[in-house]
Amino acid sequence: MMPTTWKSFGASVTGPSHVATGKPNQDAWSAFEHSWGYGIAVADGLGSKPHSDWGSRAACRAVEASASRLWTDHRHPMLQSHSSELLPGIVEEWLFAIDPFVEKDCAATCLYAITSPDDQIHLGMLGDGAAVAVLQDGSVIVLSDSKDEGFSNLTNALSATTTLNHWRVRSVVASECAAVLLCTDGVADDVEDLAGFARGFVKAYEGLGSLAASRRAWEMLSTWPVPKHSDDKTLACLINVVTPDE
């Protein structure tokens, strides 16, 4: 089997309420590629915090920094490292990255999808939004903030007191995964069928290059068909570019 390689893209638009008040986009996204693997991250700064835009950008940087430290130092870690080492590392790197501001002013959610050298793709979610993995066999794995399970959008955000129990995580075999889609609640809250949305999104975008896909995603978010939804909207996608037949 050929090595699994990935392409990534994403987009973020400022919500109408922030445009009207002159506030910055409080969402952020990032994509990265290293010798050990690939990754994407999405974050949503809590609107009540004065520097939440800084906090969300710092969250995306923290994901990459923690993963790089873990998988560069430990070339083939055991799967439990996903939780026991990666997640505390994200919090630590985020606290460093928000300097000179204090944590209470920068609180942000955090979602990620990261491949590791042992043919795994790790999904994680802190707070609201959604992470959706579309597998090669057509099945879908969804991590979302189910209100029925008592998750709170107010408390599950990055802070010095964030613990492993605050995160939702899942790992799947990377070579069996077709794509992963991450989105903030500005997108996720408007989608009733996240699995169907992700399948359709991947099918529509898988043939595009990263730049063209990012541009089309930005156009989609800019003309979001829910006119009363005033929140910032962000998504990022990681697509497997090696087909099963290869």
Protein backbone atom coordinates (compact mmCIF):
# COMPACT_ATOMS: atom_id res chain seq x y z
CA MET A 1 0.00 0.00 0.00
CA MET A 2 1.27 3.45 -0.91
CA PRO A 3 1.89 5.92 1.93
CA THR A 4 -1.17 7.98 2.80
CA THR A 5 -0.82 11.63 1.84
CA TRP A 6 -3.26 14.46 2.46
CA LYS A 7 -4.28 17.86 1.14
CA SER A 8 -5.78 20.52 3.35
CA PHE A 9 -7.77 23.69 2.90
CA GLY A 10 -10.14 25.91 4.83
CA ALA A 11 -11.90 29.24 5.09
CA SER A 12 -13.23 31.66 7.67
CA VAL A 13 -15.64 34.58 7.35
CA THR A 14 -16.65 37.25 9.84
CA GLY A 15 -20.26 37.01 10.95
CA PRO A 16 -22.74 39.80 10.15
CA SER A 17 -22.98 40.87 13.80
CA HIS A 18 -19.22 41.42 14.02
CA VAL A 19 -19.18 43.23 10.67
CA ALA A 20 -21.92 45.55 11.91
CA THR A 21 -20.09 46.37 15.15
CA GLY A 22 -16.60 46.51 13.63
CA LYS A 23 -15.32 43.58 15.68
CA PRO A 24 -12.73 41.16 14.27
CA ASN A 25 -13.41 37.58 13.29
CA GLN A 26 -13.10 35.54 16.49
CA ASP A 27 -12.68 32.24 14.64
CA ALA A 28 -9.40 30.86 13.30
CA TRP A 29 -8.15 27.86 11.35
CA SER A 30 -4.80 26.44 10.33
CA ALA A 31 -3.25 23.59 8.37
CA PHE A 32 0.21 22.11 8.68
CA GLU A 33 2.44 19.45 7.17
CA HIS A 34 5.56 17.90 8.70
CA SER A 35 7.74 14.86 8.09
CA TRP A 36 5.74 12.97 10.73
CA GLY A 37 2.26 13.86 9.46
CA TYR A 38 -0.46 16.33 8.56
CA GLY A 39 -3.01 18.31 10.54
CA ILE A 40 -5.74 20.92 10.64
CA ALA A 41 -7.14 22.94 13.53
CA VAL A 42 -10.16 25.17 14.06
CA ALA A 43 -10.92 27.43 17.02
CA ASP A 44 -13.67 29.81 18.09
CA GLY A 45 -12.91 32.58 20.55
CA LEU A 46 -15.63 33.11 23.15
CA GLY A 47 -17.50 36.26 22.19
CA SER A 48 -17.59 37.65 25.71
CA LYS A 49 -13.80 37.77 25.97
CA PRO A 50 -11.94 40.92 24.89
CA HIS A 51 -9.07 39.07 23.16
CA SER A 52 -10.86 35.96 21.95
CA ASP A 53 -9.59 36.49 18.40
CA TRP A 54 -6.05 36.27 19.73
CA GLY A 55 -7.00 33.21 21.75
CA SER A 56 -8.42 31.34 18.77
CA ARG A 57 -5.34 31.97 16.64
CA ALA A 58 -3.17 30.88 19.56
CA ALA A 59 -5.21 27.66 19.86
CA CYS A 60 -4.47 26.70 16.27
CA ARG A 61 -0.76 27.35 16.76
CA ALA A 62 -0.83 25.36 19.99
CA VAL A 63 -2.22 22.27 18.25
CA GLU A 64 0.63 22.22 15.75
CA ALA A 65 3.27 22.95 18.39
CA SER A 66 2.08 20.20 20.73
CA ALA A 67 1.82 17.61 17.97
CA SER A 68 5.25 18.53 16.60
CA ARG A 69 6.82 18.18 20.02
CA LEU A 70 5.14 14.83 20.63
CA TRP A 71 5.71 13.09 17.33
CA THR A 72 9.11 14.56 16.59
CA ASP A 73 10.41 13.33 19.95
CA HIS A 74 8.54 10.00 19.84
CA ARG A 75 8.52 8.71 16.31
CA HIS A 76 5.93 5.98 16.87
CA PRO A 77 4.02 6.73 20.07
CA MET A 78 1.44 4.45 21.62
CA LEU A 79 -2.14 5.54 20.99
CA GLN A 80 -2.64 6.62 24.59
CA SER A 81 -0.20 9.45 23.92
CA HIS A 82 -2.97 11.10 21.96
CA SER A 83 -4.71 12.00 25.20
CA SER A 84 -2.08 11.82 27.89
CA GLU A 85 0.57 13.90 26.12
CA LEU A 86 -0.98 15.77 23.20
CA LEU A 87 -3.87 17.40 25.06
CA PRO A 88 -1.91 18.78 28.03
CA GLY A 89 0.63 19.98 25.49
CA ILE A 90 -2.02 21.95 23.63
CA VAL A 91 -3.04 23.71 26.83
CA GLU A 92 0.58 24.44 27.73
CA GLU A 93 1.40 25.79 24.27
CA TRP A 94 -1.78 27.87 24.23
CA LEU A 95 -0.95 29.51 27.55
CA PHE A 96 2.45 30.40 26.12
CA ALA A 97 1.01 31.66 22.81
CA ILE A 98 -1.56 34.06 24.31
CA ASP A 99 1.17 36.16 25.93
CA PRO A 100 1.00 39.08 26.76
CA PHE A 101 -2.72 38.61 27.48
CA VAL A 102 -4.18 36.62 30.35
CA GLU A 103 -6.12 33.40 29.83
CA LYS A 104 -9.50 34.66 31.04
CA ASP A 105 -9.49 37.26 28.25
CA CYS A 106 -8.56 34.79 25.49
CA ALA A 107 -10.77 31.72 26.05
CA ALA A 108 -11.38 29.71 22.89
CA THR A 109 -12.70 26.35 21.77
CA CYS A 110 -10.38 23.97 19.94
CA LEU A 111 -10.86 21.23 17.34
CA TYR A 112 -8.20 19.30 15.48
CA ALA A 113 -7.43 16.38 13.18
CA ILE A 114 -3.83 15.14 13.15
CA THR A 115 -2.18 12.16 11.47
CA SER A 116 0.59 10.34 13.31
CA PRO A 117 3.42 8.08 12.08
CA ASP A 118 1.59 4.89 13.11
CA ASP A 119 -1.15 5.28 10.44
CA GLN A 120 -3.64 6.90 12.78
CA ILE A 121 -5.62 10.09 12.48
CA HIS A 122 -6.53 11.65 15.81
CA LEU A 123 -9.60 13.82 16.29
CA GLY A 124 -10.16 16.09 19.25
CA MET A 125 -12.76 18.61 20.30
CA LEU A 126 -12.97 21.03 23.22
CA GLY A 127 -16.18 23.05 23.38
CA ASP A 128 -18.68 23.45 20.56
CA GLY A 129 -18.57 22.93 16.81
CA ALA A 130 -18.08 19.58 15.07
CA ALA A 131 -15.40 17.19 13.83
CA VAL A 132 -16.56 14.72 11.19
CA ALA A 133 -14.48 11.87 9.73
CA VAL A 134 -15.70 10.31 6.47
CA LEU A 135 -14.28 6.81 6.07
CA GLN A 136 -13.41 5.08 2.81
CA ASP A 137 -16.34 2.66 3.25
CA GLY A 138 -18.79 5.57 3.42
CA SER A 139 -19.39 5.43 7.16
CA VAL A 140 -19.05 8.61 9.20
CA ILE A 141 -17.78 9.40 12.70
CA VAL A 142 -19.13 12.59 14.27
CA LEU A 143 -17.87 14.47 17.31
CA SER A 144 -20.22 17.31 18.23
CA ASP A 145 -21.40 19.24 21.25
CA SER A 146 -24.55 17.35 22.15
CA LYS A 147 -26.59 19.52 24.52
CA ASP A 148 -28.42 16.36 25.63
CA GLU A 149 -25.23 15.08 27.23
CA GLY A 150 -24.75 18.15 29.39
CA PHE A 151 -21.78 19.70 27.59
CA SER A 152 -21.51 23.42 28.20
CA ASN A 153 -20.32 25.84 25.54
CA LEU A 154 -19.43 28.31 28.29
CA THR A 155 -17.07 26.15 30.35
CA ASN A 156 -15.40 23.93 27.75
CA ALA A 157 -12.78 26.31 26.44
CA LEU A 158 -9.02 26.47 26.76
CA SER A 159 -7.77 27.57 30.16
CA ALA A 160 -5.17 26.60 32.73
CA THR A 161 -7.77 24.34 34.37
CA THR A 162 -8.62 22.38 31.21
CA THR A 163 -8.31 18.62 31.89
CA LEU A 164 -8.47 15.48 29.74
CA ASN A 165 -12.10 15.03 30.78
CA HIS A 166 -13.09 18.25 29.03
CA TRP A 167 -12.09 16.89 25.62
CA ARG A 168 -13.81 14.52 23.24
CA VAL A 169 -11.32 12.42 21.30
CA ARG A 170 -11.34 9.64 18.76
CA SER A 171 -8.67 7.88 16.69
CA VAL A 172 -9.18 5.98 13.43
CA VAL A 173 -6.86 4.26 10.94
CA ALA A 174 -5.62 7.02 8.66
CA SER A 175 -5.44 4.90 5.51
CA GLU A 176 -9.12 3.96 6.03
CA CYS A 177 -10.19 7.61 6.29
CA ALA A 178 -11.26 9.56 3.20
CA ALA A 179 -11.46 12.99 4.84
CA VAL A 180 -12.02 14.97 8.02
CA LEU A 181 -14.07 18.14 8.24
CA LEU A 182 -13.83 20.53 11.20
CA CYS A 183 -16.20 23.44 11.70
CA THR A 184 -17.08 26.00 14.34
CA ASP A 185 -20.58 26.32 15.73
CA GLY A 186 -21.35 29.06 13.22
CA VAL A 187 -21.52 26.24 10.67
CA ALA A 188 -22.33 23.20 12.80
CA ASP A 189 -25.37 24.72 14.52
CA ASP A 190 -27.06 25.32 11.15
CA VAL A 191 -26.54 21.77 9.83
CA GLU A 192 -29.11 19.20 10.90
CA ASP A 193 -27.37 16.26 9.21
CA LEU A 194 -23.64 16.64 9.86
CA ALA A 195 -22.82 13.25 8.34
CA GLY A 196 -24.66 14.04 5.12
CA PHE A 197 -23.21 17.54 4.96
CA ALA A 198 -19.66 16.17 5.35
CA ARG A 199 -20.16 13.48 2.68
CA GLY A 200 -21.50 16.03 0.22
CA PHE A 201 -18.82 18.57 1.04
CA VAL A 202 -15.98 16.08 0.52
CA LYS A 203 -17.45 14.86 -2.77
CA ALA A 204 -17.76 18.43 -4.04
CA TYR A 205 -14.25 19.50 -3.02
CA GLU A 206 -12.07 16.40 -3.35
CA GLY A 207 -11.16 17.11 -6.98
CA LEU A 208 -10.00 20.67 -6.34
CA GLY A 209 -6.55 21.91 -5.46
CA SER A 210 -6.10 23.43 -2.03
CA LEU A 211 -6.19 27.05 -3.22
CA ALA A 212 -9.29 26.58 -5.36
CA ALA A 213 -11.01 24.62 -2.59
CA SER A 214 -10.27 27.34 -0.02
CA ARG A 215 -11.63 29.99 -2.36
CA ARG A 216 -14.82 28.05 -3.03
CA ALA A 217 -15.28 27.33 0.69
CA TRP A 218 -14.91 31.04 1.44
CA GLU A 219 -17.56 31.84 -1.17
CA MET A 220 -19.90 29.25 0.36
CA LEU A 221 -19.49 30.67 3.86
CA SER A 222 -19.89 34.23 2.58
CA THR A 223 -23.28 33.34 1.11
CA TRP A 224 -24.39 31.07 3.94
CA PRO A 225 -28.09 30.26 3.38
CA VAL A 226 -29.23 31.01 6.94
CA PRO A 227 -29.69 34.80 6.81
CA LYS A 228 -30.39 35.29 10.50
CA HIS A 229 -27.28 33.46 11.66
CA SER A 230 -24.91 36.23 12.70
CA ASP A 231 -21.98 34.16 14.01
CA ASP A 232 -18.51 33.87 12.48
CA LYS A 233 -18.19 30.78 10.30
CA THR A 234 -15.09 28.63 9.85
CA LEU A 235 -14.24 25.22 8.47
CA ALA A 236 -11.13 23.25 7.60
CA CYS A 237 -10.81 19.99 5.71
CA LEU A 238 -8.16 17.30 5.41
CA ILE A 239 -8.62 14.98 2.41
CA ASN A 240 -6.83 11.70 1.71
CA VAL A 241 -5.41 11.92 -1.80
CA VAL A 242 -4.48 8.22 -2.05
CA THR A 243 -7.39 6.05 -3.16
CA PRO A 244 -7.87 2.48 -1.85
CA ASP A 245 -7.07 0.99 -5.28
CA GLU A 246 -3.60 2.56 -5.26
